[in-house]
Each structure stands twice: as C-alpha cells, then as structure tokens.
Amino acid sequence: MRHRESLAGTIWQSGRQLTQLMRCMRPTWHEETVDTLAPASFVARGIVGVIWDVDGTLTPHHGETVPATIAGNFDAIVAF
C-alpha cells in the first residue's frame, strides 16, 4: 500500500495543508474595537478582505444581529 493511500498518509498530508493554511490566516493587523474600523482604513493598508468570527465576537453566541452600537460601522464595512 502506498503511503498516500493509508490513514497515516492522509493525516500527514492534511496536517501539512492545514499548517500552510493557518500561516496564511494569521492576523496582520489588530484593532481594539470595530468602532474604529472604516473602509478607508482598509484601502490605506491595502486590505482587500476581512475574515472574522461574528458569532461570539460581534454578536452573542448564536446571535444573528450586530449590536446597535456598532451596526452602522459594521454595515459600512460589509457594504465595502
């Protein structure tokens, strides 16, 4: 049996790919609050995409609505 076709081979290959992916997903910039984020700041930094965990970060666990205190700013970012 070839190494790739074994369970260990699959785990090894997947682990290497996951490691490479995680290197690409490291934060390159951190902001204290979403209130200070603006699309213009993304353009100034050359940022073309934003990934964040909304559930439990911007909303309560399993929440579907962004709090009113940041909704306007959040909507501007999403529309960007």
Protein backbone atom coordinates (compact mmCIF):
# COMPACT_ATOMS: atom_id res chain seq x y z
CA MET A 1 0.00 0.00 0.00
CA ARG A 2 1.34 3.41 -0.92
CA HIS A 3 1.89 5.96 1.84
CA ARG A 4 -0.77 8.32 0.41
CA GLU A 5 -3.45 5.68 0.48
CA SER A 6 -3.02 4.87 4.15
CA LEU A 7 -4.79 6.59 7.02
CA ALA A 8 -1.46 7.85 8.34
CA GLY A 9 -0.61 9.24 4.91
CA THR A 10 -3.91 11.05 4.66
CA ILE A 11 -3.47 12.56 8.14
CA TRP A 12 0.09 13.60 7.32
CA GLN A 13 -0.92 15.24 4.05
CA SER A 14 -3.93 17.00 5.61
CA GLY A 15 -1.84 18.20 8.54
CA ARG A 16 0.71 19.80 6.24
CA GLN A 17 -2.01 21.55 4.24
CA LEU A 18 -3.70 22.79 7.42
CA THR A 19 -0.39 24.19 8.66
CA GLN A 20 0.10 26.06 5.38
CA LEU A 21 -3.44 27.42 5.53
CA MET A 22 -3.05 28.59 9.13
CA ARG A 23 0.11 30.50 8.19
CA CYS A 24 -1.93 32.42 5.61
CA MET A 25 -4.69 33.19 8.11
CA ARG A 26 -2.58 34.85 10.78
CA PRO A 27 -3.80 38.31 11.72
CA THR A 28 -1.71 41.02 10.11
CA TRP A 29 -3.48 43.86 11.85
CA HIS A 30 -5.43 44.20 15.09
CA GLU A 31 -7.88 46.90 16.08
CA GLU A 32 -9.18 47.30 19.63
CA THR A 33 -12.82 47.82 18.62
CA VAL A 34 -14.90 47.61 15.47
CA ASP A 35 -15.96 51.22 16.13
CA THR A 36 -12.63 52.45 14.79
CA LEU A 37 -12.72 50.41 11.60
CA ALA A 38 -13.58 52.15 8.36
CA PRO A 39 -13.36 51.12 4.72
CA ALA A 40 -10.86 53.94 4.11
CA SER A 41 -8.50 52.33 6.64
CA PHE A 42 -8.65 49.07 4.66
CA VAL A 43 -7.78 50.88 1.43
CA ALA A 44 -4.91 52.73 3.12
CA ARG A 45 -3.44 49.42 4.33
CA GLY A 46 -4.01 47.59 1.04
CA ILE A 47 -6.51 45.22 2.67
CA VAL A 48 -8.87 43.59 0.19
CA GLY A 49 -10.68 41.18 2.52
CA VAL A 50 -11.60 40.74 6.16
CA ILE A 51 -12.33 37.49 7.95
CA TRP A 52 -13.69 37.46 11.46
CA ASP A 53 -15.77 35.27 13.70
CA VAL A 54 -19.00 37.21 14.13
CA ASP A 55 -20.69 34.59 16.33
CA GLY A 56 -19.43 35.19 19.84
CA THR A 57 -17.20 38.09 18.78
CA LEU A 58 -19.54 40.75 17.44
CA THR A 59 -22.77 39.05 18.49
CA PRO A 60 -23.78 36.86 21.40
CA HIS A 61 -23.25 33.13 20.88
CA HIS A 62 -25.54 32.04 18.02
CA GLY A 63 -26.71 35.65 17.70
CA GLU A 64 -27.87 36.95 14.36
CA THR A 65 -27.93 40.69 14.96
CA VAL A 66 -24.96 43.01 15.36
CA PRO A 67 -25.41 45.32 18.38
CA ALA A 68 -26.89 48.73 17.55
CA THR A 69 -23.78 50.47 18.92
CA ILE A 70 -21.69 49.14 16.02
CA ALA A 71 -24.35 48.38 13.39
CA GLY A 72 -23.74 51.49 11.27
CA ASN A 73 -20.00 50.97 11.13
CA PHE A 74 -20.38 47.25 10.57
CA ASP A 75 -22.85 47.85 7.70
CA ALA A 76 -20.39 50.27 6.06
CA ILE A 77 -17.63 47.66 6.26
CA VAL A 78 -19.86 44.88 4.89
CA ALA A 79 -21.02 47.13 2.03
CA PHE A 80 -17.41 47.93 1.15
